[in-house]
Amino acid sequence: MSDCDFCVRIEQGEVIEQSTLAVAFADAFPISPGHTLVVSKRHEPDFFALSDMEQAALWVIALRARDRIMADHAPTGFNVAINVGADAGQTVDHAHLHIVPRYAGDVDDPRGGVRWVIPEHARYWD
């Protein structure tokens, strides 16, 4: 789809890892060094609507991307996230997952990780 930023990036070959069903490329607005997106080659907005093979392909590419991020940036942790639908924060209507490298001291208290998407429920340990 020519109006999809991810489809354009795939068509232009802006990939760092790929298979027949999935690709990885750098996030255009990274939240940490090495932030990478893993994207289905087929344009489909909903991750859960991808076939089993497509979903598996995303995870295979995610593992390869993780190895590259480790070699290039040496993070001490990762957040892996999939936003499905506008109410979950999805802003690009093309199925993808985020691999967000984390580094010691990048935030004051990283506990809770992805739970911070709903801040009032993040601090479950209090």
N, C-alpha and C. Protein backbone atom coordinates (compact mmCIF):
# COMPACT_ATOMS: atom_id res chain seq x y z
N MET A 1 0.85 -1.18 0.00
CA MET A 1 0.00 0.00 0.00
C MET A 1 0.89 1.24 0.00
N SER A 2 0.70 2.08 -0.98
CA SER A 2 1.58 3.24 -1.12
C SER A 2 1.35 4.30 -0.06
N ASP A 3 0.20 4.28 0.64
CA ASP A 3 -0.03 5.28 1.69
C ASP A 3 0.39 4.79 3.07
N CYS A 4 0.96 3.61 3.17
CA CYS A 4 1.43 3.05 4.44
C CYS A 4 2.94 3.27 4.55
N ASP A 5 3.36 3.98 5.59
CA ASP A 5 4.79 4.26 5.78
C ASP A 5 5.62 2.98 5.84
N PHE A 6 5.09 1.94 6.49
CA PHE A 6 5.85 0.70 6.61
C PHE A 6 5.95 -0.01 5.26
N CYS A 7 4.86 -0.04 4.49
CA CYS A 7 4.91 -0.65 3.16
C CYS A 7 5.92 0.08 2.27
N VAL A 8 5.97 1.39 2.38
CA VAL A 8 6.94 2.18 1.60
C VAL A 8 8.36 1.80 2.01
N ARG A 9 8.61 1.71 3.30
CA ARG A 9 9.96 1.35 3.76
C ARG A 9 10.35 -0.05 3.29
N ILE A 10 9.39 -0.97 3.30
CA ILE A 10 9.66 -2.33 2.80
C ILE A 10 9.98 -2.28 1.32
N GLU A 11 9.15 -1.58 0.54
CA GLU A 11 9.36 -1.46 -0.91
C GLU A 11 10.70 -0.82 -1.23
N GLN A 12 11.14 0.14 -0.41
CA GLN A 12 12.40 0.83 -0.65
C GLN A 12 13.60 0.05 -0.14
N GLY A 13 13.36 -1.08 0.51
CA GLY A 13 14.45 -1.92 0.97
C GLY A 13 15.14 -1.42 2.23
N GLU A 14 14.46 -0.62 3.03
CA GLU A 14 15.03 -0.08 4.27
C GLU A 14 14.96 -1.12 5.39
N VAL A 15 15.56 -2.27 5.17
CA VAL A 15 15.45 -3.35 6.14
C VAL A 15 16.83 -3.75 6.67
N ILE A 16 16.86 -4.22 7.92
CA ILE A 16 18.11 -4.71 8.49
C ILE A 16 18.09 -6.23 8.65
N GLU A 17 16.90 -6.81 8.66
CA GLU A 17 16.72 -8.27 8.68
C GLU A 17 15.46 -8.55 7.88
N GLN A 18 15.41 -9.74 7.24
CA GLN A 18 14.18 -10.08 6.53
C GLN A 18 14.08 -11.56 6.26
N SER A 19 12.84 -11.97 6.02
CA SER A 19 12.52 -13.32 5.56
C SER A 19 11.46 -13.15 4.49
N THR A 20 10.86 -14.24 4.07
CA THR A 20 9.82 -14.13 3.05
C THR A 20 8.56 -13.46 3.58
N LEU A 21 8.34 -13.47 4.92
CA LEU A 21 7.10 -12.97 5.48
C LEU A 21 7.25 -11.75 6.39
N ALA A 22 8.47 -11.42 6.80
CA ALA A 22 8.66 -10.35 7.78
C ALA A 22 9.97 -9.62 7.55
N VAL A 23 10.02 -8.40 8.05
CA VAL A 23 11.24 -7.59 7.97
C VAL A 23 11.45 -6.88 9.30
N ALA A 24 12.65 -6.37 9.48
CA ALA A 24 12.95 -5.50 10.61
C ALA A 24 13.64 -4.26 10.09
N PHE A 25 13.30 -3.13 10.70
CA PHE A 25 14.00 -1.88 10.40
C PHE A 25 14.01 -1.00 11.63
N ALA A 26 14.89 -0.02 11.61
CA ALA A 26 15.01 0.90 12.74
C ALA A 26 13.73 1.70 12.89
N ASP A 27 13.32 1.92 14.14
CA ASP A 27 12.16 2.78 14.41
C ASP A 27 12.52 4.20 13.98
N ALA A 28 11.60 4.86 13.30
CA ALA A 28 11.85 6.23 12.83
C ALA A 28 11.91 7.24 13.97
N PHE A 29 11.32 6.90 15.11
CA PHE A 29 11.29 7.77 16.28
C PHE A 29 11.71 6.94 17.50
N PRO A 30 12.98 6.51 17.55
CA PRO A 30 13.41 5.57 18.59
C PRO A 30 13.32 6.16 19.99
N ILE A 31 12.92 5.30 20.93
CA ILE A 31 12.88 5.74 22.32
C ILE A 31 14.14 5.32 23.07
N SER A 32 14.98 4.51 22.42
CA SER A 32 16.29 4.17 22.97
C SER A 32 17.18 3.76 21.80
N PRO A 33 18.51 3.80 21.99
CA PRO A 33 19.41 3.37 20.90
C PRO A 33 19.16 1.92 20.54
N GLY A 34 18.92 1.67 19.25
CA GLY A 34 18.68 0.32 18.76
C GLY A 34 17.21 -0.06 18.63
N HIS A 35 16.29 0.82 19.04
CA HIS A 35 14.85 0.53 18.95
C HIS A 35 14.52 0.08 17.52
N THR A 36 13.98 -1.12 17.42
CA THR A 36 13.74 -1.77 16.13
C THR A 36 12.29 -2.21 16.03
N LEU A 37 11.75 -2.12 14.82
CA LEU A 37 10.41 -2.62 14.52
C LEU A 37 10.52 -3.89 13.70
N VAL A 38 9.68 -4.86 14.00
CA VAL A 38 9.57 -6.08 13.21
C VAL A 38 8.17 -6.06 12.62
N VAL A 39 8.11 -6.16 11.29
CA VAL A 39 6.90 -5.84 10.55
C VAL A 39 6.54 -6.98 9.59
N SER A 40 5.26 -7.28 9.48
CA SER A 40 4.83 -8.26 8.49
C SER A 40 5.00 -7.66 7.09
N LYS A 41 5.40 -8.49 6.13
CA LYS A 41 5.52 -7.98 4.76
C LYS A 41 4.14 -7.71 4.18
N ARG A 42 3.18 -8.55 4.52
CA ARG A 42 1.82 -8.33 4.04
C ARG A 42 1.19 -7.20 4.85
N HIS A 43 0.54 -6.29 4.15
CA HIS A 43 -0.12 -5.20 4.86
C HIS A 43 -1.37 -5.74 5.54
N GLU A 44 -1.31 -5.73 6.87
CA GLU A 44 -2.45 -6.14 7.70
C GLU A 44 -2.34 -5.34 8.99
N PRO A 45 -3.35 -4.55 9.32
CA PRO A 45 -3.27 -3.73 10.53
C PRO A 45 -3.22 -4.51 11.84
N ASP A 46 -3.91 -5.63 11.92
CA ASP A 46 -4.12 -6.35 13.17
C ASP A 46 -3.16 -7.53 13.31
N PHE A 47 -2.27 -7.46 14.29
CA PHE A 47 -1.33 -8.56 14.54
C PHE A 47 -2.07 -9.89 14.67
N PHE A 48 -3.21 -9.89 15.34
CA PHE A 48 -3.94 -11.13 15.58
C PHE A 48 -4.61 -11.68 14.32
N ALA A 49 -4.70 -10.88 13.26
CA ALA A 49 -5.25 -11.34 11.99
C ALA A 49 -4.18 -11.94 11.08
N LEU A 50 -2.91 -11.82 11.46
CA LEU A 50 -1.85 -12.46 10.69
C LEU A 50 -1.98 -13.97 10.81
N SER A 51 -1.54 -14.67 9.79
CA SER A 51 -1.55 -16.14 9.86
C SER A 51 -0.54 -16.62 10.90
N ASP A 52 -0.69 -17.86 11.31
CA ASP A 52 0.28 -18.45 12.25
C ASP A 52 1.69 -18.35 11.70
N MET A 53 1.85 -18.60 10.40
CA MET A 53 3.18 -18.53 9.79
C MET A 53 3.72 -17.11 9.82
N GLU A 54 2.87 -16.13 9.57
CA GLU A 54 3.32 -14.74 9.61
C GLU A 54 3.72 -14.33 11.02
N GLN A 55 2.92 -14.72 12.01
CA GLN A 55 3.27 -14.39 13.39
C GLN A 55 4.59 -15.05 13.77
N ALA A 56 4.77 -16.31 13.40
CA ALA A 56 6.02 -17.01 13.70
C ALA A 56 7.20 -16.31 13.02
N ALA A 57 6.99 -15.86 11.80
CA ALA A 57 8.07 -15.17 11.07
C ALA A 57 8.48 -13.89 11.78
N LEU A 58 7.52 -13.16 12.35
CA LEU A 58 7.86 -11.96 13.11
C LEU A 58 8.77 -12.31 14.28
N TRP A 59 8.48 -13.39 14.98
CA TRP A 59 9.30 -13.77 16.13
C TRP A 59 10.69 -14.24 15.71
N VAL A 60 10.79 -14.92 14.58
CA VAL A 60 12.12 -15.33 14.08
C VAL A 60 12.96 -14.09 13.78
N ILE A 61 12.36 -13.12 13.10
CA ILE A 61 13.08 -11.89 12.78
C ILE A 61 13.38 -11.11 14.05
N ALA A 62 12.48 -11.15 15.01
CA ALA A 62 12.72 -10.46 16.28
C ALA A 62 13.98 -11.01 16.97
N LEU A 63 14.15 -12.31 16.93
CA LEU A 63 15.34 -12.92 17.54
C LEU A 63 16.61 -12.48 16.81
N ARG A 64 16.56 -12.43 15.50
CA ARG A 64 17.71 -11.96 14.72
C ARG A 64 18.00 -10.50 15.03
N ALA A 65 16.95 -9.70 15.10
CA ALA A 65 17.13 -8.27 15.41
C ALA A 65 17.71 -8.10 16.80
N ARG A 66 17.25 -8.90 17.75
CA ARG A 66 17.79 -8.85 19.11
C ARG A 66 19.29 -9.14 19.11
N ASP A 67 19.72 -10.13 18.34
CA ASP A 67 21.15 -10.44 18.27
C ASP A 67 21.94 -9.26 17.70
N ARG A 68 21.39 -8.62 16.68
CA ARG A 68 22.05 -7.45 16.09
C ARG A 68 22.12 -6.30 17.09
N ILE A 69 21.03 -6.07 17.80
CA ILE A 69 21.01 -4.99 18.80
C ILE A 69 22.03 -5.27 19.89
N MET A 70 22.12 -6.51 20.33
CA MET A 70 23.11 -6.87 21.36
C MET A 70 24.52 -6.57 20.88
N ALA A 71 24.81 -6.95 19.65
CA ALA A 71 26.15 -6.74 19.10
C ALA A 71 26.47 -5.26 18.91
N ASP A 72 25.49 -4.48 18.48
CA ASP A 72 25.72 -3.07 18.17
C ASP A 72 25.62 -2.14 19.37
N HIS A 73 24.76 -2.50 20.36
CA HIS A 73 24.45 -1.55 21.45
C HIS A 73 24.66 -2.09 22.86
N ALA A 74 24.77 -3.41 23.02
CA ALA A 74 24.98 -4.05 24.33
C ALA A 74 24.00 -3.58 25.41
N PRO A 75 22.69 -3.62 25.15
CA PRO A 75 21.74 -3.25 26.21
C PRO A 75 21.76 -4.28 27.33
N THR A 76 21.20 -3.89 28.46
CA THR A 76 21.14 -4.79 29.61
C THR A 76 19.74 -5.38 29.81
N GLY A 77 18.80 -5.02 28.95
CA GLY A 77 17.45 -5.55 29.02
C GLY A 77 16.67 -5.18 27.77
N PHE A 78 15.44 -5.65 27.68
CA PHE A 78 14.57 -5.36 26.53
C PHE A 78 13.12 -5.26 26.99
N ASN A 79 12.36 -4.42 26.32
CA ASN A 79 10.91 -4.48 26.33
C ASN A 79 10.50 -4.87 24.92
N VAL A 80 9.57 -5.80 24.81
CA VAL A 80 9.02 -6.21 23.52
C VAL A 80 7.53 -5.94 23.60
N ALA A 81 7.00 -5.19 22.64
CA ALA A 81 5.60 -4.78 22.73
C ALA A 81 4.91 -4.83 21.38
N ILE A 82 3.62 -5.13 21.43
CA ILE A 82 2.77 -5.09 20.25
C ILE A 82 1.54 -4.27 20.62
N ASN A 83 1.30 -3.20 19.88
CA ASN A 83 0.10 -2.39 20.07
C ASN A 83 -0.90 -2.81 19.00
N VAL A 84 -2.08 -3.22 19.40
CA VAL A 84 -3.10 -3.66 18.45
C VAL A 84 -4.32 -2.77 18.63
N GLY A 85 -4.56 -1.91 17.67
CA GLY A 85 -5.71 -1.01 17.70
C GLY A 85 -5.37 0.35 18.30
N ALA A 86 -6.15 1.33 17.90
CA ALA A 86 -5.93 2.70 18.35
C ALA A 86 -6.03 2.83 19.86
N ASP A 87 -6.95 2.10 20.49
CA ASP A 87 -7.11 2.20 21.94
C ASP A 87 -5.92 1.63 22.70
N ALA A 88 -5.09 0.84 22.03
CA ALA A 88 -3.88 0.31 22.64
C ALA A 88 -2.66 1.13 22.24
N GLY A 89 -2.88 2.21 21.50
CA GLY A 89 -1.79 3.09 21.13
C GLY A 89 -1.20 2.85 19.75
N GLN A 90 -1.77 1.96 18.95
CA GLN A 90 -1.24 1.71 17.61
C GLN A 90 -1.47 2.94 16.75
N THR A 91 -0.40 3.48 16.18
CA THR A 91 -0.51 4.68 15.35
C THR A 91 -0.22 4.42 13.88
N VAL A 92 0.41 3.29 13.57
CA VAL A 92 0.63 2.89 12.18
C VAL A 92 -0.19 1.62 11.96
N ASP A 93 -1.12 1.68 11.03
CA ASP A 93 -2.04 0.56 10.80
C ASP A 93 -1.40 -0.53 9.94
N HIS A 94 -0.33 -1.09 10.46
CA HIS A 94 0.38 -2.21 9.83
C HIS A 94 0.96 -3.02 10.98
N ALA A 95 0.64 -4.29 11.04
CA ALA A 95 1.06 -5.14 12.17
C ALA A 95 2.57 -5.08 12.36
N HIS A 96 2.97 -4.84 13.61
CA HIS A 96 4.40 -4.76 13.92
C HIS A 96 4.61 -4.95 15.41
N LEU A 97 5.83 -5.31 15.75
CA LEU A 97 6.21 -5.36 17.16
C LEU A 97 7.44 -4.50 17.37
N HIS A 98 7.54 -3.97 18.57
CA HIS A 98 8.66 -3.12 18.97
C HIS A 98 9.65 -3.94 19.79
N ILE A 99 10.91 -3.81 19.47
CA ILE A 99 11.98 -4.33 20.31
C ILE A 99 12.71 -3.10 20.84
N VAL A 100 12.53 -2.85 22.14
CA VAL A 100 13.07 -1.64 22.76
C VAL A 100 14.22 -2.05 23.69
N PRO A 101 15.45 -1.76 23.28
CA PRO A 101 16.58 -2.05 24.16
C PRO A 101 16.52 -1.16 25.40
N ARG A 102 16.91 -1.72 26.52
CA ARG A 102 16.93 -0.97 27.78
C ARG A 102 18.34 -0.99 28.33
N TYR A 103 18.66 0.07 29.05
CA TYR A 103 20.01 0.26 29.56
C TYR A 103 19.96 0.63 31.03
N ALA A 104 20.92 0.13 31.79
CA ALA A 104 21.00 0.43 33.21
C ALA A 104 20.95 1.94 33.40
N GLY A 105 20.01 2.41 34.24
CA GLY A 105 19.90 3.82 34.54
C GLY A 105 19.13 4.65 33.53
N ASP A 106 18.51 4.02 32.51
CA ASP A 106 17.79 4.82 31.51
C ASP A 106 16.51 5.44 32.07
N VAL A 107 15.99 4.89 33.17
CA VAL A 107 14.90 5.49 33.94
C VAL A 107 15.22 5.27 35.42
N ASP A 108 14.63 6.07 36.28
CA ASP A 108 14.92 5.95 37.71
C ASP A 108 14.52 4.58 38.27
N ASP A 109 13.36 4.07 37.89
CA ASP A 109 12.87 2.80 38.42
C ASP A 109 12.14 2.05 37.31
N PRO A 110 12.78 1.07 36.69
CA PRO A 110 12.16 0.38 35.56
C PRO A 110 11.12 -0.66 35.95
N ARG A 111 10.93 -0.90 37.24
CA ARG A 111 9.97 -1.93 37.64
C ARG A 111 8.59 -1.65 37.04
N GLY A 112 7.93 -2.70 36.66
CA GLY A 112 6.61 -2.58 36.06
C GLY A 112 6.64 -2.61 34.54
N GLY A 113 7.77 -2.20 33.96
CA GLY A 113 7.94 -2.28 32.49
C GLY A 113 6.72 -1.81 31.72
N VAL A 114 6.16 -2.71 30.92
CA VAL A 114 5.03 -2.36 30.05
C VAL A 114 3.75 -2.06 30.82
N ARG A 115 3.73 -2.37 32.12
CA ARG A 115 2.54 -2.05 32.92
C ARG A 115 2.29 -0.55 32.96
N TRP A 116 3.31 0.27 32.65
CA TRP A 116 3.16 1.72 32.70
C TRP A 116 2.27 2.26 31.58
N VAL A 117 1.78 1.41 30.69
CA VAL A 117 0.83 1.90 29.68
C VAL A 117 -0.47 2.34 30.35
N ILE A 118 -0.75 1.81 31.54
CA ILE A 118 -1.87 2.28 32.35
C ILE A 118 -1.27 2.60 33.73
N PRO A 119 -0.79 3.83 33.89
CA PRO A 119 0.02 4.20 35.06
C PRO A 119 -0.58 3.86 36.41
N GLU A 120 -1.89 3.99 36.59
CA GLU A 120 -2.46 3.71 37.91
C GLU A 120 -2.39 2.24 38.31
N HIS A 121 -2.05 1.37 37.36
CA HIS A 121 -1.91 -0.06 37.66
C HIS A 121 -0.46 -0.53 37.61
N ALA A 122 0.46 0.36 37.34
CA ALA A 122 1.85 -0.05 37.15
C ALA A 122 2.52 -0.47 38.44
N ARG A 123 2.32 0.27 39.52
CA ARG A 123 3.04 0.02 40.78
C ARG A 123 2.28 -1.01 41.62
N TYR A 124 2.20 -2.23 41.14
CA TYR A 124 1.48 -3.28 41.86
C TYR A 124 2.21 -3.72 43.13
N TRP A 125 3.46 -3.39 43.29
CA TRP A 125 4.24 -3.83 44.45
C TRP A 125 4.03 -2.96 45.68
N ASP A 126 3.34 -1.84 45.54
CA ASP A 126 3.07 -0.96 46.70
C ASP A 126 1.92 -1.49 47.53
